Amino acid sequence: PIAGNVFGSWLALSLVVFNCQYDEGFSSLRMEHYKNWLKFKIDSNGDLEMFAIGLKRVPKHWKKDPQWVGHRKEGAVTAPSWSLKTPSKWVPWRKSKKFLPEVIDHLKIKAESS
């Protein structure tokens, strides 16, 4: 507990007084909004694409998606969840543009030709 308090105090001090370590300090605040993740894709040419995707707001209230097809049956061959029109069982209770993900950054690394 003492080490956590010392480290947390250092991050707060570095943010407020020294105006540095924004990433470390902001991530330690445990805010429920502003979530980001990376999606990697290798295309048919072997190029690596990276997408930084972010949510500015995360819904707090959820409801079951009426278009969701349900659990997969054992032994049945089904398409992977990422290819389904409605892969998630849950949707936000209210529809709002602020809950939509957006591409923050995109990077493409070309494959080396042999």
N, C-alpha and C. Protein backbone atom coordinates (compact mmCIF):
# COMPACT_ATOMS: atom_id res chain seq x y z
N PRO A 1 0.80 -1.20 0.00
CA PRO A 1 0.00 0.00 0.00
C PRO A 1 0.84 1.27 0.00
N ILE A 2 1.96 1.23 0.70
CA ILE A 2 2.80 2.43 0.78
C ILE A 2 3.41 2.73 -0.59
N ALA A 3 3.90 1.71 -1.26
CA ALA A 3 4.52 1.92 -2.57
C ALA A 3 3.51 2.49 -3.57
N GLY A 4 2.27 1.99 -3.52
CA GLY A 4 1.23 2.50 -4.42
C GLY A 4 0.92 3.96 -4.15
N ASN A 5 0.88 4.33 -2.88
CA ASN A 5 0.64 5.73 -2.53
C ASN A 5 1.78 6.64 -2.97
N VAL A 6 3.00 6.17 -2.79
CA VAL A 6 4.17 6.97 -3.20
C VAL A 6 4.16 7.15 -4.72
N PHE A 7 3.92 6.06 -5.45
CA PHE A 7 3.92 6.15 -6.91
C PHE A 7 2.76 7.02 -7.40
N GLY A 8 1.58 6.86 -6.81
CA GLY A 8 0.43 7.68 -7.20
C GLY A 8 0.67 9.15 -6.90
N SER A 9 1.30 9.43 -5.77
CA SER A 9 1.62 10.82 -5.43
C SER A 9 2.61 11.41 -6.42
N TRP A 10 3.60 10.60 -6.82
CA TRP A 10 4.57 11.06 -7.80
C TRP A 10 3.89 11.37 -9.14
N LEU A 11 2.97 10.50 -9.58
CA LEU A 11 2.27 10.76 -10.85
C LEU A 11 1.42 12.03 -10.75
N ALA A 12 0.72 12.23 -9.64
CA ALA A 12 -0.08 13.44 -9.47
C ALA A 12 0.80 14.68 -9.45
N LEU A 13 1.91 14.60 -8.77
CA LEU A 13 2.85 15.71 -8.70
C LEU A 13 3.45 16.03 -10.07
N SER A 14 3.82 14.99 -10.80
CA SER A 14 4.43 15.21 -12.11
C SER A 14 3.42 15.80 -13.10
N LEU A 15 2.14 15.44 -12.96
CA LEU A 15 1.11 16.01 -13.84
C LEU A 15 0.84 17.48 -13.50
N VAL A 16 0.60 17.75 -12.23
CA VAL A 16 0.15 19.08 -11.82
C VAL A 16 1.29 20.09 -11.77
N VAL A 17 2.41 19.70 -11.19
CA VAL A 17 3.50 20.66 -10.97
C VAL A 17 4.47 20.71 -12.16
N PHE A 18 4.91 19.54 -12.64
CA PHE A 18 5.95 19.52 -13.66
C PHE A 18 5.42 19.42 -15.09
N ASN A 19 4.11 19.22 -15.25
CA ASN A 19 3.50 19.11 -16.59
C ASN A 19 4.18 18.05 -17.45
N CYS A 20 4.39 16.88 -16.89
CA CYS A 20 5.01 15.80 -17.65
C CYS A 20 4.35 14.47 -17.29
N GLN A 21 4.69 13.43 -18.01
CA GLN A 21 4.19 12.07 -17.81
C GLN A 21 2.66 12.01 -17.90
N TYR A 22 2.13 12.61 -18.97
CA TYR A 22 0.68 12.65 -19.15
C TYR A 22 0.09 11.26 -19.35
N ASP A 23 0.73 10.43 -20.18
CA ASP A 23 0.19 9.10 -20.45
C ASP A 23 0.11 8.26 -19.18
N GLU A 24 1.19 8.24 -18.42
CA GLU A 24 1.22 7.44 -17.21
C GLU A 24 0.23 7.96 -16.17
N GLY A 25 0.19 9.26 -16.01
CA GLY A 25 -0.70 9.85 -15.02
C GLY A 25 -2.16 9.69 -15.39
N PHE A 26 -2.49 9.88 -16.66
CA PHE A 26 -3.88 9.78 -17.10
C PHE A 26 -4.37 8.34 -17.01
N SER A 27 -3.53 7.38 -17.38
CA SER A 27 -3.96 5.99 -17.35
C SER A 27 -4.18 5.50 -15.92
N SER A 28 -3.49 6.07 -14.96
CA SER A 28 -3.64 5.63 -13.57
C SER A 28 -4.89 6.20 -12.90
N LEU A 29 -5.58 7.11 -13.56
CA LEU A 29 -6.78 7.70 -12.97
C LEU A 29 -7.97 6.75 -12.98
N ARG A 30 -7.88 5.69 -13.75
CA ARG A 30 -8.92 4.66 -13.85
C ARG A 30 -10.26 5.26 -14.26
N MET A 31 -10.21 6.13 -15.25
CA MET A 31 -11.44 6.73 -15.77
C MET A 31 -12.15 5.70 -16.65
N GLU A 32 -13.46 5.67 -16.57
CA GLU A 32 -14.22 4.67 -17.33
C GLU A 32 -14.39 5.07 -18.79
N HIS A 33 -14.13 6.30 -19.12
CA HIS A 33 -14.27 6.75 -20.50
C HIS A 33 -12.90 6.86 -21.16
N TYR A 34 -12.89 7.21 -22.44
CA TYR A 34 -11.67 7.38 -23.22
C TYR A 34 -10.86 6.08 -23.30
N LYS A 35 -11.50 5.03 -23.83
CA LYS A 35 -10.84 3.73 -23.99
C LYS A 35 -10.27 3.65 -25.41
N ASN A 36 -9.11 3.06 -25.54
CA ASN A 36 -8.43 2.92 -26.83
C ASN A 36 -7.87 1.52 -26.96
N TRP A 37 -7.75 1.05 -28.17
CA TRP A 37 -7.13 -0.24 -28.43
C TRP A 37 -6.55 -0.23 -29.84
N LEU A 38 -5.72 -1.22 -30.13
CA LEU A 38 -5.07 -1.34 -31.44
C LEU A 38 -5.62 -2.55 -32.17
N LYS A 39 -5.83 -2.40 -33.46
CA LYS A 39 -6.23 -3.51 -34.31
C LYS A 39 -5.17 -3.67 -35.39
N PHE A 40 -4.64 -4.87 -35.51
CA PHE A 40 -3.62 -5.16 -36.50
C PHE A 40 -4.21 -6.04 -37.60
N LYS A 41 -3.78 -5.79 -38.83
CA LYS A 41 -4.29 -6.55 -39.97
C LYS A 41 -3.14 -6.76 -40.95
N ILE A 42 -3.01 -7.99 -41.43
CA ILE A 42 -2.04 -8.29 -42.50
C ILE A 42 -2.84 -8.50 -43.77
N ASP A 43 -2.61 -7.62 -44.77
CA ASP A 43 -3.41 -7.72 -45.99
C ASP A 43 -2.83 -8.77 -46.94
N SER A 44 -3.44 -8.89 -48.11
CA SER A 44 -3.05 -9.95 -49.07
C SER A 44 -1.63 -9.76 -49.61
N ASN A 45 -1.09 -8.56 -49.57
CA ASN A 45 0.29 -8.31 -50.02
C ASN A 45 1.31 -8.58 -48.93
N GLY A 46 0.86 -8.86 -47.72
CA GLY A 46 1.77 -9.08 -46.59
C GLY A 46 2.08 -7.80 -45.84
N ASP A 47 1.44 -6.69 -46.20
CA ASP A 47 1.64 -5.43 -45.50
C ASP A 47 0.91 -5.47 -44.15
N LEU A 48 1.54 -4.88 -43.16
CA LEU A 48 0.94 -4.82 -41.83
C LEU A 48 0.27 -3.47 -41.65
N GLU A 49 -1.01 -3.50 -41.30
CA GLU A 49 -1.75 -2.27 -41.02
C GLU A 49 -2.11 -2.24 -39.55
N MET A 50 -1.98 -1.05 -38.95
CA MET A 50 -2.32 -0.86 -37.56
C MET A 50 -3.35 0.27 -37.48
N PHE A 51 -4.42 0.01 -36.77
CA PHE A 51 -5.45 1.01 -36.56
C PHE A 51 -5.55 1.28 -35.07
N ALA A 52 -5.43 2.54 -34.68
CA ALA A 52 -5.68 2.94 -33.30
C ALA A 52 -7.13 3.38 -33.24
N ILE A 53 -7.94 2.68 -32.45
CA ILE A 53 -9.37 2.92 -32.38
C ILE A 53 -9.70 3.40 -30.97
N GLY A 54 -10.56 4.40 -30.88
CA GLY A 54 -10.86 4.95 -29.57
C GLY A 54 -12.33 5.22 -29.36
N LEU A 55 -12.71 5.18 -28.10
CA LEU A 55 -14.05 5.57 -27.66
C LEU A 55 -13.90 6.76 -26.73
N LYS A 56 -14.64 7.84 -27.01
CA LYS A 56 -14.59 8.98 -26.10
C LYS A 56 -15.46 8.75 -24.88
N ARG A 57 -16.57 8.07 -25.08
CA ARG A 57 -17.48 7.77 -23.98
C ARG A 57 -17.83 6.29 -24.01
N VAL A 58 -17.96 5.68 -22.86
CA VAL A 58 -18.35 4.28 -22.74
C VAL A 58 -19.74 4.24 -22.11
N PRO A 59 -20.69 3.53 -22.72
CA PRO A 59 -22.03 3.47 -22.14
C PRO A 59 -22.02 2.82 -20.75
N LYS A 60 -22.88 3.31 -19.88
CA LYS A 60 -23.01 2.73 -18.54
C LYS A 60 -24.18 1.76 -18.47
N HIS A 61 -25.17 1.94 -19.34
CA HIS A 61 -26.37 1.11 -19.31
C HIS A 61 -26.47 0.32 -20.61
N TRP A 62 -26.74 -0.98 -20.48
CA TRP A 62 -26.77 -1.88 -21.63
C TRP A 62 -28.10 -2.61 -21.71
N LYS A 63 -28.44 -3.09 -22.90
CA LYS A 63 -29.61 -3.94 -23.10
C LYS A 63 -29.24 -5.05 -24.08
N LYS A 64 -29.99 -6.14 -24.03
CA LYS A 64 -29.72 -7.26 -24.93
C LYS A 64 -30.10 -6.86 -26.36
N ASP A 65 -29.22 -7.17 -27.31
CA ASP A 65 -29.45 -6.83 -28.71
C ASP A 65 -30.52 -7.76 -29.29
N PRO A 66 -31.64 -7.21 -29.78
CA PRO A 66 -32.69 -8.07 -30.33
C PRO A 66 -32.27 -8.79 -31.62
N GLN A 67 -31.24 -8.32 -32.28
CA GLN A 67 -30.78 -8.95 -33.52
C GLN A 67 -29.71 -10.01 -33.28
N TRP A 68 -29.31 -10.19 -32.03
CA TRP A 68 -28.26 -11.16 -31.72
C TRP A 68 -28.79 -12.57 -31.94
N VAL A 69 -28.00 -13.44 -32.56
CA VAL A 69 -28.46 -14.78 -32.94
C VAL A 69 -28.38 -15.80 -31.82
N GLY A 70 -27.74 -15.52 -30.73
CA GLY A 70 -27.68 -16.45 -29.61
C GLY A 70 -26.38 -17.23 -29.56
N HIS A 71 -26.30 -18.10 -28.57
CA HIS A 71 -25.09 -18.91 -28.38
C HIS A 71 -24.96 -19.93 -29.50
N ARG A 72 -23.73 -20.30 -29.76
CA ARG A 72 -23.47 -21.32 -30.77
C ARG A 72 -23.77 -22.69 -30.18
N LYS A 73 -24.27 -23.55 -30.99
CA LYS A 73 -24.55 -24.93 -30.57
C LYS A 73 -23.24 -25.73 -30.58
N GLU A 74 -23.11 -26.66 -29.66
CA GLU A 74 -21.91 -27.50 -29.60
C GLU A 74 -21.83 -28.36 -30.85
N GLY A 75 -20.65 -28.43 -31.43
CA GLY A 75 -20.43 -29.27 -32.59
C GLY A 75 -20.82 -28.61 -33.90
N ALA A 76 -21.56 -27.51 -33.85
CA ALA A 76 -21.98 -26.83 -35.08
C ALA A 76 -20.85 -25.93 -35.57
N VAL A 77 -20.62 -25.93 -36.86
CA VAL A 77 -19.60 -25.08 -37.45
C VAL A 77 -20.28 -23.75 -37.80
N THR A 78 -19.82 -22.68 -37.18
CA THR A 78 -20.38 -21.36 -37.44
C THR A 78 -19.27 -20.40 -37.85
N ALA A 79 -19.69 -19.28 -38.39
CA ALA A 79 -18.72 -18.26 -38.78
C ALA A 79 -18.11 -17.64 -37.53
N PRO A 80 -16.87 -17.13 -37.64
CA PRO A 80 -16.26 -16.46 -36.48
C PRO A 80 -17.07 -15.21 -36.11
N SER A 81 -17.02 -14.84 -34.84
CA SER A 81 -17.85 -13.73 -34.35
C SER A 81 -17.56 -12.41 -35.05
N TRP A 82 -16.30 -12.19 -35.45
CA TRP A 82 -15.97 -10.92 -36.10
C TRP A 82 -16.62 -10.77 -37.46
N SER A 83 -17.08 -11.87 -38.07
CA SER A 83 -17.71 -11.78 -39.39
C SER A 83 -19.23 -11.64 -39.30
N LEU A 84 -19.80 -11.78 -38.11
CA LEU A 84 -21.25 -11.68 -37.94
C LEU A 84 -21.71 -10.21 -37.99
N LYS A 85 -22.94 -10.01 -38.41
CA LYS A 85 -23.49 -8.65 -38.46
C LYS A 85 -23.65 -8.09 -37.06
N THR A 86 -24.09 -8.92 -36.12
CA THR A 86 -24.24 -8.50 -34.72
C THR A 86 -23.47 -9.48 -33.83
N PRO A 87 -22.15 -9.28 -33.68
CA PRO A 87 -21.33 -10.22 -32.91
C PRO A 87 -21.51 -10.12 -31.41
N SER A 88 -22.05 -9.02 -30.92
CA SER A 88 -22.17 -8.82 -29.48
C SER A 88 -23.60 -9.04 -29.01
N LYS A 89 -23.72 -9.61 -27.83
CA LYS A 89 -25.04 -9.85 -27.24
C LYS A 89 -25.64 -8.56 -26.68
N TRP A 90 -24.79 -7.59 -26.36
CA TRP A 90 -25.24 -6.38 -25.69
C TRP A 90 -25.01 -5.15 -26.55
N VAL A 91 -25.93 -4.19 -26.45
CA VAL A 91 -25.82 -2.90 -27.12
C VAL A 91 -26.11 -1.82 -26.09
N PRO A 92 -25.64 -0.59 -26.34
CA PRO A 92 -25.95 0.49 -25.39
C PRO A 92 -27.46 0.70 -25.27
N TRP A 93 -27.89 1.05 -24.08
CA TRP A 93 -29.31 1.28 -23.81
C TRP A 93 -29.84 2.43 -24.67
N ARG A 94 -29.02 3.48 -24.82
CA ARG A 94 -29.37 4.61 -25.69
C ARG A 94 -28.40 4.65 -26.85
N LYS A 95 -28.89 4.93 -28.04
CA LYS A 95 -27.99 5.12 -29.18
C LYS A 95 -27.53 6.57 -29.18
N SER A 96 -26.23 6.75 -29.34
CA SER A 96 -25.67 8.09 -29.36
C SER A 96 -24.38 8.08 -30.16
N LYS A 97 -24.10 9.16 -30.85
CA LYS A 97 -22.86 9.26 -31.63
C LYS A 97 -21.63 9.25 -30.73
N LYS A 98 -21.80 9.68 -29.48
CA LYS A 98 -20.64 9.74 -28.59
C LYS A 98 -20.14 8.36 -28.19
N PHE A 99 -20.96 7.31 -28.41
CA PHE A 99 -20.54 5.95 -28.08
C PHE A 99 -19.90 5.23 -29.27
N LEU A 100 -19.85 5.85 -30.43
CA LEU A 100 -19.31 5.20 -31.62
C LEU A 100 -17.78 5.22 -31.61
N PRO A 101 -17.15 4.10 -31.97
CA PRO A 101 -15.68 4.11 -32.05
C PRO A 101 -15.22 4.92 -33.25
N GLU A 102 -14.02 5.46 -33.15
CA GLU A 102 -13.45 6.21 -34.27
C GLU A 102 -11.98 5.84 -34.43
N VAL A 103 -11.52 5.90 -35.68
CA VAL A 103 -10.12 5.61 -35.96
C VAL A 103 -9.31 6.86 -35.60
N ILE A 104 -8.41 6.71 -34.65
CA ILE A 104 -7.59 7.83 -34.19
C ILE A 104 -6.34 7.96 -35.05
N ASP A 105 -5.76 6.83 -35.42
CA ASP A 105 -4.53 6.83 -36.22
C ASP A 105 -4.48 5.57 -37.05
N HIS A 106 -3.76 5.63 -38.16
CA HIS A 106 -3.60 4.50 -39.06
C HIS A 106 -2.16 4.46 -39.53
N LEU A 107 -1.56 3.28 -39.52
CA LEU A 107 -0.18 3.11 -39.93
C LEU A 107 -0.08 1.88 -40.80
N LYS A 108 0.68 1.96 -41.88
CA LYS A 108 0.86 0.82 -42.77
C LYS A 108 2.35 0.60 -42.98
N ILE A 109 2.79 -0.64 -42.70
CA ILE A 109 4.19 -1.02 -42.89
C ILE A 109 4.25 -1.98 -44.06
N LYS A 110 4.94 -1.59 -45.11
CA LYS A 110 5.03 -2.41 -46.32
C LYS A 110 5.89 -3.64 -46.05
N ALA A 111 5.47 -4.75 -46.66
CA ALA A 111 6.24 -5.99 -46.55
C ALA A 111 7.49 -5.87 -47.40
N GLU A 112 8.56 -6.51 -46.94
CA GLU A 112 9.80 -6.52 -47.71
C GLU A 112 9.64 -7.44 -48.90
N SER A 113 10.08 -6.97 -50.06
CA SER A 113 10.02 -7.83 -51.25
C SER A 113 11.27 -8.70 -51.28
N SER A 114 11.06 -10.00 -51.62
CA SER A 114 12.20 -10.90 -51.61
C SER A 114 12.72 -11.16 -52.98
